[in-house]
Amino acid sequence: MSGSSAVQRTSMADQAADVLLGRIRAEEWGLGARLPGETTLAAQLGVGRSTVREAIRQLSGRGVLSARQGAGVFVAALDVRDDWDAVLQRADIVSVIEARTAIESEAAALAAERRTANDLRAIRRALTVREQRRSDLEEHVDADLTFHRAIVVAAANPILTELFDGFTPRLRQTMIAMLRIRSAFGGAEDHAAHERLADAVRAGDAALAAGLSREHLASLKDGLR
C-alpha cells in the first residue's frame, strides 16, 4: 500500500473511513465484495482494530458497507449516498415498511415450514441479543435486523435472503430515523411481539407466523401517524 494512502494521526477513524471509501470508489473491491478482516485492514491502514471497526461503522451508516453477522463486511454501494439529512428527507419510511412486509411475511411463513434445529437456535440466540440491546438505538436496530434476518435465512430461499441483505443498508437507516422520530424503542410489548413470532416459527404455524410479521410491521407504520 502506498504512503499516500497511509492514515495520519488525528481523527483516525474518520481518516480510515476516507481511505477505505477511496479504495471502494476505485473499485478495489467490487459491489457485493467481502472486505478483508479487521486485522488485515488495520495493518494496511496503520491503525488499531478498534479504529477499523469505527471506520466500518461509519461507512455502514452511510450505506457504503453492510456488516453481516458471522459472514463479514461487504460493499453495499460504490460511493456514499447524499448527506444524512437529504437521505432522510427523501426516505419514504412507509414504503420501506411495506417492502419489509412483502419480504418478511412470506419469509416467516416459509421459515415455519422449513426451519431446521440450527435455524431455531440462531433465531433464539438473536432474540436473546435483541432483548439485551435495548438502551442504545443503533445497537438495538442492528440486533433487531439480525433477528429478522435469522428468520429470513430459515425460509431456505436464497433469493429472499439476497433481497433482505441488499435492502439492509437502506432499511437500517430508515429504522434508525423512524425510531428517532418516535423517540421510544425496545419496549416490553415490542419485544413480546418478536417472541410470539419466534414461537410461531418454532411451532411450524406458517399462517400465524406470516400474520404476526404483518401485524408487527403494520404497527410500525401506524406509529408514524
C-alpha atoms as a PDB file:
ATOM      1  CA  MET A   1       0.000   0.000   0.000  1.00  0.00           C
ATOM      2  CA  SER A   2       1.424   3.394  -0.976  1.00  0.00           C
ATOM      3  CA  GLY A   3       2.431   6.011   1.566  1.00  0.00           C
ATOM      4  CA  SER A   4      -0.206   8.402   0.226  1.00  0.00           C
ATOM      5  CA  SER A   5      -2.876   6.015   1.434  1.00  0.00           C
ATOM      6  CA  ALA A   6      -1.456   5.722   4.928  1.00  0.00           C
ATOM      7  CA  VAL A   7      -3.556   7.127   7.711  1.00  0.00           C
ATOM      8  CA  GLN A   8      -2.053  10.073   9.582  1.00  0.00           C
ATOM      9  CA  ARG A   9      -2.622  10.947  13.210  1.00  0.00           C
ATOM     10  CA  THR A  10      -5.754  12.851  14.370  1.00  0.00           C
ATOM     11  CA  SER A  11      -9.317  11.796  13.639  1.00  0.00           C
ATOM     12  CA  MET A  12      -8.037   8.313  12.946  1.00  0.00           C
ATOM     13  CA  ALA A  13     -11.410   6.685  12.399  1.00  0.00           C
ATOM     14  CA  ASP A  14     -12.547   9.475  10.062  1.00  0.00           C
ATOM     15  CA  GLN A  15      -9.355   9.197   8.051  1.00  0.00           C
ATOM     16  CA  ALA A  16      -9.531   5.406   7.988  1.00  0.00           C
ATOM     17  CA  ALA A  17     -13.086   5.684   6.670  1.00  0.00           C
ATOM     18  CA  ASP A  18     -11.904   8.132   3.984  1.00  0.00           C
ATOM     19  CA  VAL A  19      -9.112   5.784   2.892  1.00  0.00           C
ATOM     20  CA  LEU A  20     -11.476   2.817   2.722  1.00  0.00           C
ATOM     21  CA  LEU A  21     -14.018   4.885   0.789  1.00  0.00           C
ATOM     22  CA  GLY A  22     -11.298   5.895  -1.679  1.00  0.00           C
ATOM     23  CA  ARG A  23     -10.391   2.273  -2.263  1.00  0.00           C
ATOM     24  CA  ILE A  24     -14.065   1.377  -2.741  1.00  0.00           C
ATOM     25  CA  ARG A  25     -14.568   4.245  -5.197  1.00  0.00           C
ATOM     26  CA  ALA A  26     -11.538   2.958  -7.100  1.00  0.00           C
ATOM     27  CA  GLU A  27     -13.327  -0.408  -7.172  1.00  0.00           C
ATOM     28  CA  GLU A  28     -10.519  -2.241  -5.414  1.00  0.00           C
ATOM     29  CA  TRP A  29     -13.475  -4.173  -4.042  1.00  0.00           C
ATOM     30  CA  GLY A  30     -16.485  -4.515  -6.324  1.00  0.00           C
ATOM     31  CA  LEU A  31     -20.121  -4.203  -5.370  1.00  0.00           C
ATOM     32  CA  GLY A  32     -21.016  -7.092  -3.085  1.00  0.00           C
ATOM     33  CA  ALA A  33     -17.372  -7.986  -2.435  1.00  0.00           C
ATOM     34  CA  ARG A  34     -16.255  -9.019   1.045  1.00  0.00           C
ATOM     35  CA  LEU A  35     -13.656  -6.779   2.676  1.00  0.00           C
ATOM     36  CA  PRO A  36     -10.527  -8.286   4.263  1.00  0.00           C
ATOM     37  CA  GLY A  37     -10.713  -8.933   8.002  1.00  0.00           C
ATOM     38  CA  GLU A  38     -10.130  -6.282  10.662  1.00  0.00           C
ATOM     39  CA  THR A  39      -6.573  -7.459  11.359  1.00  0.00           C
ATOM     40  CA  THR A  40      -5.578  -7.185   7.689  1.00  0.00           C
ATOM     41  CA  LEU A  41      -7.201  -3.772   7.264  1.00  0.00           C
ATOM     42  CA  ALA A  42      -5.638  -2.484  10.482  1.00  0.00           C
ATOM     43  CA  ALA A  43      -2.188  -3.483   9.229  1.00  0.00           C
ATOM     44  CA  GLN A  44      -2.792  -1.899   5.838  1.00  0.00           C
ATOM     45  CA  LEU A  45      -4.062   1.360   7.326  1.00  0.00           C
ATOM     46  CA  GLY A  46      -1.571   1.523  10.170  1.00  0.00           C
ATOM     47  CA  VAL A  47      -4.249   1.785  12.855  1.00  0.00           C
ATOM     48  CA  GLY A  48      -5.729  -0.387  15.587  1.00  0.00           C
ATOM     49  CA  ARG A  49      -8.608  -2.789  15.085  1.00  0.00           C
ATOM     50  CA  SER A  50     -10.939  -0.569  17.122  1.00  0.00           C
ATOM     51  CA  THR A  51     -10.277   2.267  14.655  1.00  0.00           C
ATOM     52  CA  VAL A  52     -11.064  -0.054  11.751  1.00  0.00           C
ATOM     53  CA  ARG A  53     -14.304  -1.099  13.460  1.00  0.00           C
ATOM     54  CA  GLU A  54     -15.338   2.530  13.896  1.00  0.00           C
ATOM     55  CA  ALA A  55     -14.467   3.335  10.261  1.00  0.00           C
ATOM     56  CA  ILE A  56     -16.586   0.370   9.105  1.00  0.00           C
ATOM     57  CA  ARG A  57     -19.410   1.532  11.366  1.00  0.00           C
ATOM     58  CA  GLN A  58     -19.250   5.000   9.799  1.00  0.00           C
ATOM     59  CA  LEU A  59     -19.359   3.645   6.257  1.00  0.00           C
ATOM     60  CA  SER A  60     -22.148   1.215   7.176  1.00  0.00           C
ATOM     61  CA  GLY A  61     -24.178   4.137   8.487  1.00  0.00           C
ATOM     62  CA  ARG A  62     -23.637   5.941   5.189  1.00  0.00           C
ATOM     63  CA  GLY A  63     -24.846   2.951   3.184  1.00  0.00           C
ATOM     64  CA  VAL A  64     -21.469   2.018   1.672  1.00  0.00           C
ATOM     65  CA  LEU A  65     -20.764  -1.127   3.691  1.00  0.00           C
ATOM     66  CA  SER A  66     -23.006  -3.821   5.103  1.00  0.00           C
ATOM     67  CA  ALA A  67     -21.886  -5.938   8.061  1.00  0.00           C
ATOM     68  CA  ARG A  68     -23.480  -9.378   8.181  1.00  0.00           C
ATOM     69  CA  GLN A  69     -23.118 -11.244  11.437  1.00  0.00           C
ATOM     70  CA  GLY A  70     -20.952 -14.293  11.020  1.00  0.00           C
ATOM     71  CA  ALA A  71     -20.271 -13.555   7.342  1.00  0.00           C
ATOM     72  CA  GLY A  72     -18.169 -10.394   7.269  1.00  0.00           C
ATOM     73  CA  VAL A  73     -18.337  -6.872   5.874  1.00  0.00           C
ATOM     74  CA  PHE A  74     -19.485  -6.359   2.284  1.00  0.00           C
ATOM     75  CA  VAL A  75     -19.562  -3.464  -0.188  1.00  0.00           C
ATOM     76  CA  ALA A  76     -23.173  -2.259  -0.462  1.00  0.00           C
ATOM     77  CA  ALA A  77     -22.521   0.828  -2.632  1.00  0.00           C
ATOM     78  CA  LEU A  78     -19.544   2.202  -4.561  1.00  0.00           C
ATOM     79  CA  ASP A  79     -19.951   5.732  -3.194  1.00  0.00           C
ATOM     80  CA  VAL A  80     -21.630   7.497  -0.306  1.00  0.00           C
ATOM     81  CA  ARG A  81     -25.204   8.490  -0.661  1.00  0.00           C
ATOM     82  CA  ASP A  82     -26.141  12.104  -0.221  1.00  0.00           C
ATOM     83  CA  ASP A  83     -25.738  13.640   3.214  1.00  0.00           C
ATOM     84  CA  TRP A  84     -27.778  12.172   6.064  1.00  0.00           C
ATOM     85  CA  ASP A  85     -30.415  14.912   6.125  1.00  0.00           C
ATOM     86  CA  ALA A  86     -31.078  14.651   2.399  1.00  0.00           C
ATOM     87  CA  VAL A  87     -31.401  10.878   2.634  1.00  0.00           C
ATOM     88  CA  LEU A  88     -33.887  11.182   5.466  1.00  0.00           C
ATOM     89  CA  GLN A  89     -35.890  13.844   3.646  1.00  0.00           C
ATOM     90  CA  ARG A  90     -36.319  11.547   0.673  1.00  0.00           C
ATOM     91  CA  ALA A  91     -36.679   8.304   2.594  1.00  0.00           C
ATOM     92  CA  ASP A  92     -40.266   7.126   2.469  1.00  0.00           C
ATOM     93  CA  ILE A  93     -40.472   5.214   5.714  1.00  0.00           C
ATOM     94  CA  VAL A  94     -43.893   3.819   4.891  1.00  0.00           C
ATOM     95  CA  SER A  95     -42.624   2.433   1.578  1.00  0.00           C
ATOM     96  CA  VAL A  96     -39.704   0.771   3.335  1.00  0.00           C
ATOM     97  CA  ILE A  97     -42.039  -0.843   5.866  1.00  0.00           C
ATOM     98  CA  GLU A  98     -44.285  -2.070   3.046  1.00  0.00           C
ATOM     99  CA  ALA A  99     -41.261  -3.599   1.307  1.00  0.00           C
ATOM    100  CA  ARG A 100     -40.247  -5.251   4.574  1.00  0.00           C
ATOM    101  CA  THR A 101     -43.743  -6.699   4.847  1.00  0.00           C
ATOM    102  CA  ALA A 102     -43.544  -8.195   1.344  1.00  0.00           C
ATOM    103  CA  ILE A 103     -40.225  -9.882   2.085  1.00  0.00           C
ATOM    104  CA  GLU A 104     -40.574 -10.785   5.755  1.00  0.00           C
ATOM    105  CA  SER A 105     -44.152 -12.035   5.940  1.00  0.00           C
ATOM    106  CA  GLU A 106     -43.508 -14.557   3.166  1.00  0.00           C
ATOM    107  CA  ALA A 107     -40.172 -15.470   4.729  1.00  0.00           C
ATOM    108  CA  ALA A 108     -41.858 -16.029   8.110  1.00  0.00           C
ATOM    109  CA  ALA A 109     -44.380 -18.426   6.568  1.00  0.00           C
ATOM    110  CA  LEU A 110     -41.665 -20.373   4.754  1.00  0.00           C
ATOM    111  CA  ALA A 111     -39.464 -20.388   7.863  1.00  0.00           C
ATOM    112  CA  ALA A 112     -42.262 -22.009   9.860  1.00  0.00           C
ATOM    113  CA  GLU A 113     -42.427 -24.776   7.256  1.00  0.00           C
ATOM    114  CA  ARG A 114     -38.699 -25.261   6.620  1.00  0.00           C
ATOM    115  CA  ARG A 115     -36.774 -24.247   9.764  1.00  0.00           C
ATOM    116  CA  THR A 116     -34.078 -26.582  10.986  1.00  0.00           C
ATOM    117  CA  ALA A 117     -32.781 -27.078  14.509  1.00  0.00           C
ATOM    118  CA  ASN A 118     -29.828 -24.829  13.646  1.00  0.00           C
ATOM    119  CA  ASP A 119     -32.206 -22.146  12.353  1.00  0.00           C
ATOM    120  CA  LEU A 120     -34.202 -22.250  15.575  1.00  0.00           C
ATOM    121  CA  ARG A 121     -31.048 -21.892  17.653  1.00  0.00           C
ATOM    122  CA  ALA A 122     -29.970 -18.896  15.564  1.00  0.00           C
ATOM    123  CA  ILE A 123     -33.385 -17.259  15.943  1.00  0.00           C
ATOM    124  CA  ARG A 124     -33.408 -17.831  19.706  1.00  0.00           C
ATOM    125  CA  ARG A 125     -29.858 -16.524  20.047  1.00  0.00           C
ATOM    126  CA  ALA A 126     -30.700 -13.403  18.033  1.00  0.00           C
ATOM    127  CA  LEU A 127     -33.829 -12.862  20.123  1.00  0.00           C
ATOM    128  CA  THR A 128     -31.772 -13.001  23.329  1.00  0.00           C
ATOM    129  CA  VAL A 129     -29.260 -10.469  21.996  1.00  0.00           C
ATOM    130  CA  ARG A 130     -32.108  -8.237  20.872  1.00  0.00           C
ATOM    131  CA  GLU A 131     -33.548  -8.249  24.385  1.00  0.00           C
ATOM    132  CA  GLN A 132     -30.167  -7.314  25.838  1.00  0.00           C
ATOM    133  CA  ARG A 133     -29.646  -4.375  23.475  1.00  0.00           C
ATOM    134  CA  ARG A 134     -32.457  -2.017  24.343  1.00  0.00           C
ATOM    135  CA  SER A 135     -30.514   1.016  25.571  1.00  0.00           C
ATOM    136  CA  ASP A 136     -28.507   2.122  22.505  1.00  0.00           C
ATOM    137  CA  LEU A 137     -30.658   2.927  19.468  1.00  0.00           C
ATOM    138  CA  GLU A 138     -28.234   1.817  16.740  1.00  0.00           C
ATOM    139  CA  GLU A 139     -27.232  -1.349  18.595  1.00  0.00           C
ATOM    140  CA  HIS A 140     -30.922  -2.120  19.077  1.00  0.00           C
ATOM    141  CA  VAL A 141     -31.650  -1.680  15.366  1.00  0.00           C
ATOM    142  CA  ASP A 142     -28.699  -3.908  14.452  1.00  0.00           C
ATOM    143  CA  ALA A 143     -29.838  -6.604  16.896  1.00  0.00           C
ATOM    144  CA  ASP A 144     -33.390  -6.331  15.580  1.00  0.00           C
ATOM    145  CA  LEU A 145     -32.252  -6.734  11.976  1.00  0.00           C
ATOM    146  CA  THR A 146     -30.111  -9.735  12.951  1.00  0.00           C
ATOM    147  CA  PHE A 147     -33.218 -11.363  14.443  1.00  0.00           C
ATOM    148  CA  HIS A 148     -35.341 -10.723  11.373  1.00  0.00           C
ATOM    149  CA  ARG A 149     -32.528 -11.910   9.094  1.00  0.00           C
ATOM    150  CA  ALA A 150     -32.355 -15.180  11.059  1.00  0.00           C
ATOM    151  CA  ILE A 151     -35.989 -15.793  10.176  1.00  0.00           C
ATOM    152  CA  VAL A 152     -35.397 -14.902   6.519  1.00  0.00           C
ATOM    153  CA  VAL A 153     -32.459 -17.359   6.421  1.00  0.00           C
ATOM    154  CA  ALA A 154     -34.683 -20.042   7.979  1.00  0.00           C
ATOM    155  CA  ALA A 155     -37.016 -19.682   4.978  1.00  0.00           C
ATOM    156  CA  ALA A 156     -34.297 -21.501   2.979  1.00  0.00           C
ATOM    157  CA  ASN A 157     -34.888 -19.286  -0.061  1.00  0.00           C
ATOM    158  CA  PRO A 158     -31.604 -17.708  -1.214  1.00  0.00           C
ATOM    159  CA  ILE A 159     -33.396 -15.039  -3.256  1.00  0.00           C
ATOM    160  CA  LEU A 160     -35.308 -13.804  -0.205  1.00  0.00           C
ATOM    161  CA  THR A 161     -32.048 -13.702   1.776  1.00  0.00           C
ATOM    162  CA  GLU A 162     -30.344 -11.811  -1.060  1.00  0.00           C
ATOM    163  CA  LEU A 163     -33.207  -9.312  -1.209  1.00  0.00           C
ATOM    164  CA  PHE A 164     -33.078  -8.776   2.547  1.00  0.00           C
ATOM    165  CA  ASP A 165     -29.288  -8.348   2.588  1.00  0.00           C
ATOM    166  CA  GLY A 166     -29.359  -5.931  -0.347  1.00  0.00           C
ATOM    167  CA  PHE A 167     -32.091  -3.948   1.375  1.00  0.00           C
ATOM    168  CA  THR A 168     -30.342  -3.841   4.757  1.00  0.00           C
ATOM    169  CA  PRO A 169     -28.324  -0.575   4.430  1.00  0.00           C
ATOM    170  CA  ARG A 170     -31.431   1.391   3.395  1.00  0.00           C
ATOM    171  CA  LEU A 171     -33.518  -0.482   5.945  1.00  0.00           C
ATOM    172  CA  ARG A 172     -31.072   0.247   8.767  1.00  0.00           C
ATOM    173  CA  GLN A 173     -31.002   3.983   8.044  1.00  0.00           C
ATOM    174  CA  THR A 174     -34.781   4.150   7.800  1.00  0.00           C
ATOM    175  CA  MET A 175     -35.401   2.218  11.010  1.00  0.00           C
ATOM    176  CA  ILE A 176     -32.952   4.438  12.910  1.00  0.00           C
ATOM    177  CA  ALA A 177     -34.682   7.527  11.509  1.00  0.00           C
ATOM    178  CA  MET A 178     -38.115   6.168  12.402  1.00  0.00           C
ATOM    179  CA  LEU A 179     -37.147   5.332  15.978  1.00  0.00           C
ATOM    180  CA  ARG A 180     -35.603   8.765  16.406  1.00  0.00           C
ATOM    181  CA  ILE A 181     -38.890  10.277  15.263  1.00  0.00           C
ATOM    182  CA  ARG A 182     -40.805   8.095  17.718  1.00  0.00           C
ATOM    183  CA  SER A 183     -38.184   8.677  20.464  1.00  0.00           C
ATOM    184  CA  ALA A 184     -39.038   5.316  22.045  1.00  0.00           C
ATOM    185  CA  PHE A 185     -37.828   1.810  21.293  1.00  0.00           C
ATOM    186  CA  GLY A 186     -37.174  -1.565  22.862  1.00  0.00           C
ATOM    187  CA  GLY A 187     -40.336  -1.685  24.948  1.00  0.00           C
ATOM    188  CA  ALA A 188     -41.657  -4.848  26.593  1.00  0.00           C
ATOM    189  CA  GLU A 189     -44.652  -5.222  24.258  1.00  0.00           C
ATOM    190  CA  ASP A 190     -42.486  -4.751  21.189  1.00  0.00           C
ATOM    191  CA  HIS A 191     -40.136  -7.482  22.350  1.00  0.00           C
ATOM    192  CA  ALA A 192     -43.053  -9.736  23.248  1.00  0.00           C
ATOM    193  CA  ALA A 193     -44.278  -9.411  19.655  1.00  0.00           C
ATOM    194  CA  HIS A 194     -40.915 -10.696  18.454  1.00  0.00           C
ATOM    195  CA  GLU A 195     -41.087 -13.586  20.926  1.00  0.00           C
ATOM    196  CA  ARG A 196     -44.522 -14.530  19.569  1.00  0.00           C
ATOM    197  CA  LEU A 197     -43.138 -14.503  16.025  1.00  0.00           C
ATOM    198  CA  ALA A 198     -40.232 -16.754  17.029  1.00  0.00           C
ATOM    199  CA  ASP A 199     -42.663 -19.089  18.792  1.00  0.00           C
ATOM    200  CA  ALA A 200     -44.886 -19.333  15.696  1.00  0.00           C
ATOM    201  CA  VAL A 201     -41.886 -20.235  13.528  1.00  0.00           C
ATOM    202  CA  ARG A 202     -40.786 -22.848  16.059  1.00  0.00           C
ATOM    203  CA  ALA A 203     -44.323 -24.274  16.209  1.00  0.00           C
ATOM    204  CA  GLY A 204     -44.421 -24.621  12.421  1.00  0.00           C
ATOM    205  CA  ASP A 205     -47.532 -22.424  12.098  1.00  0.00           C
ATOM    206  CA  ALA A 206     -46.969 -20.700   8.749  1.00  0.00           C
ATOM    207  CA  ALA A 207     -50.219 -18.706   8.741  1.00  0.00           C
ATOM    208  CA  LEU A 208     -49.659 -17.408  12.257  1.00  0.00           C
ATOM    209  CA  ALA A 209     -46.023 -16.526  11.580  1.00  0.00           C
ATOM    210  CA  ALA A 210     -46.932 -14.562   8.446  1.00  0.00           C
ATOM    211  CA  GLY A 211     -49.795 -12.841  10.260  1.00  0.00           C
ATOM    212  CA  LEU A 212     -47.633 -11.852  13.225  1.00  0.00           C
ATOM    213  CA  SER A 213     -44.965 -10.480  10.880  1.00  0.00           C
ATOM    214  CA  ARG A 214     -47.529  -8.370   9.021  1.00  0.00           C
ATOM    215  CA  GLU A 215     -49.110  -7.242  12.300  1.00  0.00           C
ATOM    216  CA  HIS A 216     -45.774  -6.128  13.759  1.00  0.00           C
ATOM    217  CA  LEU A 217     -44.799  -4.149  10.663  1.00  0.00           C
ATOM    218  CA  ALA A 218     -48.285  -2.624  10.391  1.00  0.00           C
ATOM    219  CA  SER A 219     -47.906  -1.382  13.975  1.00  0.00           C
ATOM    220  CA  LEU A 220     -44.662   0.371  12.981  1.00  0.00           C
ATOM    221  CA  LYS A 221     -46.465   2.089  10.126  1.00  0.00           C
ATOM    222  CA  ASP A 222     -49.389   3.065  12.353  1.00  0.00           C
ATOM    223  CA  GLY A 223     -46.934   4.555  14.858  1.00  0.00           C
ATOM    224  CA  LEU A 224     -45.904   7.163  12.284  1.00  0.00           C
ATOM    225  CA  ARG A 225     -49.373   8.699  12.101  1.00  0.00           C
END
